[in-house]
Each structure stands twice: as C-alpha cells, then as structure tokens.
C-alpha cells in the first residue's frame, strides 16, 4: 500500500515516543453500511486489475460508504498501491460538489487475505477507513472476502460491513 490518503502524502511510521503516535480522537464506527452494488464495484475493479492490486477512494459518512471511486495504481510493484494524485484530486472535487466526503480508501490483496499488511500499517493515515478485498477465496474470511478497518494512527480495528440494498 502506498499513498492511501491525500494524494502524494505518505504517512510516516510512528513510534510510541512521537506526539503524533497518540491515539486518534475520532472514534471508529461500530459498523459501516455499504450498498451491495458498491461492494460489487470494488470486487469487479479488483478482478480487472489482477494480478496487480487495485485501489480507489471511498465516499460517504462516518457510518456509510456511499460510493467507491476507482483510481489508477501508480505503484510499479504488483503487491502495492499508490493512488494517482490526479485521480485523487478529481474525486475530491467531485465529492465536494456532490456534498460527499472522502472517508477512506480501498485496495485489493490479489494473493493474500483481506487483512492489513505490515505495509498497510506502516503507511496508513490516521482517522481513515480502509476496505480490503481478497481474490483468494481460500484465504478470505469465511463470511466475506471484503473487510473494513478503521486506522486510529496506531492500529487497525475491524469495522463490520453491513450490506444494504
């Protein structure tokens, strides 16, 4: 994972002595509502980009993902992602015009489980939602191949996705 949040911004690895390492003040939601069509769009994007990771931005509110906007992955390695800054700014402008907020990012793990990797932890941005989808059915959690996590600046906490119609 690379540049999951604001375009061109890489989150620093925080150690416990850093003031920035204090837990975030924003609480993670208990659950996150998401339309089945949004989950299907993320899955389709992951399949289209495989074997490379796909990536995109999530638009919505503190309790609901309303849209998943695909972005180009600029990372040269197939197991990392780097959101194209031009895509990020285009989506940010469109979100503002529609009265929406960028609440997070999504990416795929084509060959691993839908759980945050050490790279995800090292480069994650605080107070951001991360949705990870896996294409490996044998490694995915039994109930879903797509999972959501809220990053507080130190750790990821899983946020159960609640599919809606």
C-alpha atoms as a PDB file:
ATOM      1  CA  UNK A   1       0.000   0.000   0.000  1.00  0.00           C
ATOM      2  CA  UNK A   2       1.234   3.469  -0.778  1.00  0.00           C
ATOM      3  CA  UNK A   3      -0.418   6.880  -0.624  1.00  0.00           C
ATOM      4  CA  UNK A   4      -3.789   5.672   0.669  1.00  0.00           C
ATOM      5  CA  UNK A   5      -4.983   9.088   1.716  1.00  0.00           C
ATOM      6  CA  UNK A   6      -4.331  12.576   0.402  1.00  0.00           C
ATOM      7  CA  UNK A   7      -2.602  12.407  -2.932  1.00  0.00           C
ATOM      8  CA  UNK A   8       1.146  12.387  -2.715  1.00  0.00           C
ATOM      9  CA  UNK A   9       1.155  12.191   1.082  1.00  0.00           C
ATOM     10  CA  UNK A  10       2.844   9.236   2.702  1.00  0.00           C
ATOM     11  CA  UNK A  11       2.050   8.550   6.332  1.00  0.00           C
ATOM     12  CA  UNK A  12       5.145   8.312   8.475  1.00  0.00           C
ATOM     13  CA  UNK A  13       5.846   5.253  10.554  1.00  0.00           C
ATOM     14  CA  UNK A  14       5.060   6.403  14.063  1.00  0.00           C
ATOM     15  CA  UNK A  15       6.870   5.236  17.168  1.00  0.00           C
ATOM     16  CA  UNK A  16       5.424   5.450  20.669  1.00  0.00           C
ATOM     17  CA  UNK A  17       7.629   8.412  21.616  1.00  0.00           C
ATOM     18  CA  UNK A  18       6.212  10.602  18.858  1.00  0.00           C
ATOM     19  CA  UNK A  19       3.408  13.031  19.771  1.00  0.00           C
ATOM     20  CA  UNK A  20       1.750  12.008  16.506  1.00  0.00           C
ATOM     21  CA  UNK A  21       1.592   8.442  17.800  1.00  0.00           C
ATOM     22  CA  UNK A  22      -1.111   9.225  20.341  1.00  0.00           C
ATOM     23  CA  UNK A  23      -4.416   7.525  19.594  1.00  0.00           C
ATOM     24  CA  UNK A  24      -6.739   9.406  17.288  1.00  0.00           C
ATOM     25  CA  UNK A  25      -9.519  11.468  18.780  1.00  0.00           C
ATOM     26  CA  UNK A  26     -12.116  10.283  16.273  1.00  0.00           C
ATOM     27  CA  UNK A  27     -13.801   7.046  17.304  1.00  0.00           C
ATOM     28  CA  UNK A  28     -14.231   4.295  14.786  1.00  0.00           C
ATOM     29  CA  UNK A  29     -17.786   3.462  13.812  1.00  0.00           C
ATOM     30  CA  UNK A  30     -19.269   0.267  15.265  1.00  0.00           C
ATOM     31  CA  UNK A  31     -20.450  -0.822  11.811  1.00  0.00           C
ATOM     32  CA  UNK A  32     -20.310   0.553   8.285  1.00  0.00           C
ATOM     33  CA  UNK A  33     -23.299   0.362   5.956  1.00  0.00           C
ATOM     34  CA  UNK A  34     -22.469  -0.211   2.301  1.00  0.00           C
ATOM     35  CA  UNK A  35     -24.672  -0.917  -0.703  1.00  0.00           C
ATOM     36  CA  UNK A  36     -24.154  -4.320  -2.309  1.00  0.00           C
ATOM     37  CA  UNK A  37     -23.540  -2.537  -5.629  1.00  0.00           C
ATOM     38  CA  UNK A  38     -20.587  -0.682  -4.055  1.00  0.00           C
ATOM     39  CA  UNK A  39     -19.107  -3.979  -2.847  1.00  0.00           C
ATOM     40  CA  UNK A  40     -19.668  -5.460  -6.311  1.00  0.00           C
ATOM     41  CA  UNK A  41     -17.879  -2.486  -7.913  1.00  0.00           C
ATOM     42  CA  UNK A  42     -14.850  -2.949  -5.631  1.00  0.00           C
ATOM     43  CA  UNK A  43     -14.758  -6.673  -6.437  1.00  0.00           C
ATOM     44  CA  UNK A  44     -15.031  -6.013 -10.189  1.00  0.00           C
ATOM     45  CA  UNK A  45     -12.203  -3.455 -10.008  1.00  0.00           C
ATOM     46  CA  UNK A  46     -10.016  -5.967  -8.122  1.00  0.00           C
ATOM     47  CA  UNK A  47     -10.666  -8.670 -10.713  1.00  0.00           C
ATOM     48  CA  UNK A  48      -9.981  -6.290 -13.614  1.00  0.00           C
ATOM     49  CA  UNK A  49      -6.604  -5.235 -12.170  1.00  0.00           C
ATOM     50  CA  UNK A  50      -5.396  -8.668 -11.000  1.00  0.00           C
ATOM     51  CA  UNK A  51      -2.701  -9.764 -10.535  1.00  0.00           C
ATOM     52  CA  UNK A  52      -1.886  -6.168  -9.529  1.00  0.00           C
ATOM     53  CA  UNK A  53      -3.549  -4.508  -6.562  1.00  0.00           C
ATOM     54  CA  UNK A  54      -6.409  -2.203  -7.415  1.00  0.00           C
ATOM     55  CA  UNK A  55      -7.081   0.956  -5.434  1.00  0.00           C
ATOM     56  CA  UNK A  56      -9.683   3.644  -5.060  1.00  0.00           C
ATOM     57  CA  UNK A  57     -11.321   6.121  -2.722  1.00  0.00           C
ATOM     58  CA  UNK A  58     -14.417   5.715  -0.582  1.00  0.00           C
ATOM     59  CA  UNK A  59     -17.043   8.445  -0.338  1.00  0.00           C
ATOM     60  CA  UNK A  60     -19.657   8.683   2.365  1.00  0.00           C
ATOM     61  CA  UNK A  61     -20.115   9.467   6.041  1.00  0.00           C
ATOM     62  CA  UNK A  62     -18.963   8.123   9.403  1.00  0.00           C
ATOM     63  CA  UNK A  63     -21.436   5.253   9.171  1.00  0.00           C
ATOM     64  CA  UNK A  64     -21.984   4.654   5.456  1.00  0.00           C
ATOM     65  CA  UNK A  65     -19.932   4.073   2.321  1.00  0.00           C
ATOM     66  CA  UNK A  66     -21.983   5.606  -0.494  1.00  0.00           C
ATOM     67  CA  UNK A  67     -19.544   5.280  -3.398  1.00  0.00           C
ATOM     68  CA  UNK A  68     -16.289   3.561  -4.303  1.00  0.00           C
ATOM     69  CA  UNK A  69     -14.358   5.562  -6.888  1.00  0.00           C
ATOM     70  CA  UNK A  70     -11.632   3.634  -8.739  1.00  0.00           C
ATOM     71  CA  UNK A  71      -8.221   5.237  -9.202  1.00  0.00           C
ATOM     72  CA  UNK A  72      -5.134   4.349 -11.165  1.00  0.00           C
ATOM     73  CA  UNK A  73      -2.441   2.478  -9.274  1.00  0.00           C
ATOM     74  CA  UNK A  74       0.943   4.090  -9.955  1.00  0.00           C
ATOM     75  CA  UNK A  75       2.975   1.596  -7.903  1.00  0.00           C
ATOM     76  CA  UNK A  76       5.393  -0.395 -10.055  1.00  0.00           C
ATOM     77  CA  UNK A  77       5.177  -3.441  -7.746  1.00  0.00           C
ATOM     78  CA  UNK A  78       2.131  -5.698  -8.162  1.00  0.00           C
ATOM     79  CA  UNK A  79       1.602  -6.022  -4.393  1.00  0.00           C
ATOM     80  CA  UNK A  80       1.477  -2.318  -3.517  1.00  0.00           C
ATOM     81  CA  UNK A  81      -0.685   0.596  -4.390  1.00  0.00           C
ATOM     82  CA  UNK A  82      -0.085   4.277  -4.971  1.00  0.00           C
ATOM     83  CA  UNK A  83      -3.194   6.318  -5.739  1.00  0.00           C
ATOM     84  CA  UNK A  84      -2.717   8.622  -8.714  1.00  0.00           C
ATOM     85  CA  UNK A  85      -2.743  12.217  -7.361  1.00  0.00           C
ATOM     86  CA  UNK A  86      -4.686  13.458 -10.392  1.00  0.00           C
ATOM     87  CA  UNK A  87      -7.404  10.877  -9.701  1.00  0.00           C
ATOM     88  CA  UNK A  88      -7.423  11.798  -6.024  1.00  0.00           C
ATOM     89  CA  UNK A  89      -7.974  15.496  -6.703  1.00  0.00           C
ATOM     90  CA  UNK A  90     -10.578  14.799  -9.402  1.00  0.00           C
ATOM     91  CA  UNK A  91     -12.541  12.595  -6.997  1.00  0.00           C
ATOM     92  CA  UNK A  92     -12.138  15.073  -4.129  1.00  0.00           C
ATOM     93  CA  UNK A  93     -13.574  17.891  -6.265  1.00  0.00           C
ATOM     94  CA  UNK A  94     -16.471  15.706  -7.455  1.00  0.00           C
ATOM     95  CA  UNK A  95     -17.193  14.575  -3.900  1.00  0.00           C
ATOM     96  CA  UNK A  96     -17.327  18.143  -2.630  1.00  0.00           C
ATOM     97  CA  UNK A  97     -19.636  19.140  -5.475  1.00  0.00           C
ATOM     98  CA  UNK A  98     -21.952  16.247  -4.541  1.00  0.00           C
ATOM     99  CA  UNK A  99     -21.828  17.045  -0.811  1.00  0.00           C
ATOM    100  CA  UNK A 100     -19.853  13.892  -0.013  1.00  0.00           C
ATOM    101  CA  UNK A 101     -16.630  13.311   1.896  1.00  0.00           C
ATOM    102  CA  UNK A 102     -13.629  11.087   1.166  1.00  0.00           C
ATOM    103  CA  UNK A 103     -13.768   8.788   4.181  1.00  0.00           C
ATOM    104  CA  UNK A 104     -11.223   6.193   3.166  1.00  0.00           C
ATOM    105  CA  UNK A 105      -9.559   4.082   0.543  1.00  0.00           C
ATOM    106  CA  UNK A 106      -9.931   0.583  -0.776  1.00  0.00           C
ATOM    107  CA  UNK A 107      -7.456  -1.802  -2.299  1.00  0.00           C
ATOM    108  CA  UNK A 108      -7.150  -5.453  -3.158  1.00  0.00           C
ATOM    109  CA  UNK A 109      -4.943  -8.245  -1.948  1.00  0.00           C
ATOM    110  CA  UNK A 110      -4.949 -10.480  -5.046  1.00  0.00           C
ATOM    111  CA  UNK A 111      -2.926 -13.244  -3.406  1.00  0.00           C
ATOM    112  CA  UNK A 112      -3.479 -12.768   0.321  1.00  0.00           C
ATOM    113  CA  UNK A 113      -6.206 -12.447   2.933  1.00  0.00           C
ATOM    114  CA  UNK A 114      -8.245  -9.236   3.344  1.00  0.00           C
ATOM    115  CA  UNK A 115      -6.373  -8.109   6.432  1.00  0.00           C
ATOM    116  CA  UNK A 116      -3.975  -5.159   6.787  1.00  0.00           C
ATOM    117  CA  UNK A 117      -0.407  -5.999   5.854  1.00  0.00           C
ATOM    118  CA  UNK A 118       2.692  -4.627   7.610  1.00  0.00           C
ATOM    119  CA  UNK A 119       2.934  -2.107   4.743  1.00  0.00           C
ATOM    120  CA  UNK A 120      -0.682  -1.066   5.321  1.00  0.00           C
ATOM    121  CA  UNK A 121       0.157  -0.460   8.992  1.00  0.00           C
ATOM    122  CA  UNK A 122       3.354   1.444   8.250  1.00  0.00           C
ATOM    123  CA  UNK A 123       1.800   3.738   5.656  1.00  0.00           C
ATOM    124  CA  UNK A 124      -1.775   4.105   6.883  1.00  0.00           C
ATOM    125  CA  UNK A 125      -3.231   7.526   7.534  1.00  0.00           C
ATOM    126  CA  UNK A 126      -4.984   8.129  10.874  1.00  0.00           C
ATOM    127  CA  UNK A 127      -8.748   8.555  11.073  1.00  0.00           C
ATOM    128  CA  UNK A 128      -9.221   6.813   7.750  1.00  0.00           C
ATOM    129  CA  UNK A 129     -11.306   3.809   6.747  1.00  0.00           C
ATOM    130  CA  UNK A 130      -9.623   1.066   4.725  1.00  0.00           C
ATOM    131  CA  UNK A 131     -11.538  -1.569   2.788  1.00  0.00           C
ATOM    132  CA  UNK A 132      -9.519  -4.556   1.615  1.00  0.00           C
ATOM    133  CA  UNK A 133     -10.844  -7.189  -0.747  1.00  0.00           C
ATOM    134  CA  UNK A 134      -9.190 -10.538  -1.393  1.00  0.00           C
ATOM    135  CA  UNK A 135      -9.399 -12.565  -4.573  1.00  0.00           C
ATOM    136  CA  UNK A 136      -8.145 -15.693  -2.795  1.00  0.00           C
ATOM    137  CA  UNK A 137     -11.317 -17.411  -1.613  1.00  0.00           C
ATOM    138  CA  UNK A 138      -9.268 -19.996   0.288  1.00  0.00           C
ATOM    139  CA  UNK A 139      -7.629 -17.232   2.375  1.00  0.00           C
ATOM    140  CA  UNK A 140     -10.579 -14.890   2.783  1.00  0.00           C
ATOM    141  CA  UNK A 141     -12.550 -14.886   5.972  1.00  0.00           C
ATOM    142  CA  UNK A 142     -15.483 -17.301   5.713  1.00  0.00           C
ATOM    143  CA  UNK A 143     -18.205 -14.655   5.791  1.00  0.00           C
ATOM    144  CA  UNK A 144     -16.723 -12.228   3.273  1.00  0.00           C
ATOM    145  CA  UNK A 145     -13.769 -11.627   1.008  1.00  0.00           C
ATOM    146  CA  UNK A 146     -14.075  -7.887   1.693  1.00  0.00           C
ATOM    147  CA  UNK A 147     -13.403  -6.382   5.097  1.00  0.00           C
ATOM    148  CA  UNK A 148     -13.189  -2.858   6.501  1.00  0.00           C
ATOM    149  CA  UNK A 149     -10.779  -1.434   9.052  1.00  0.00           C
ATOM    150  CA  UNK A 150     -10.504   1.912  10.781  1.00  0.00           C
ATOM    151  CA  UNK A 151      -6.944   3.121  11.389  1.00  0.00           C
ATOM    152  CA  UNK A 152      -6.507   5.254  14.509  1.00  0.00           C
ATOM    153  CA  UNK A 153      -2.858   6.075  13.857  1.00  0.00           C
ATOM    154  CA  UNK A 154      -1.527   3.088  15.779  1.00  0.00           C
ATOM    155  CA  UNK A 155      -3.663   0.084  14.963  1.00  0.00           C
ATOM    156  CA  UNK A 156      -6.362  -1.113  12.631  1.00  0.00           C
ATOM    157  CA  UNK A 157      -9.716  -2.032  14.153  1.00  0.00           C
ATOM    158  CA  UNK A 158     -12.083  -4.105  12.058  1.00  0.00           C
ATOM    159  CA  UNK A 159     -15.404  -2.432  11.328  1.00  0.00           C
ATOM    160  CA  UNK A 160     -18.079  -4.920  10.276  1.00  0.00           C
ATOM    161  CA  UNK A 161     -19.599  -4.125   6.883  1.00  0.00           C
ATOM    162  CA  UNK A 162     -23.386  -4.187   6.768  1.00  0.00           C
ATOM    163  CA  UNK A 163     -24.504  -4.730   3.152  1.00  0.00           C
ATOM    164  CA  UNK A 164     -27.668  -2.876   2.123  1.00  0.00           C
ATOM    165  CA  UNK A 165     -29.829  -2.956  -0.980  1.00  0.00           C
END
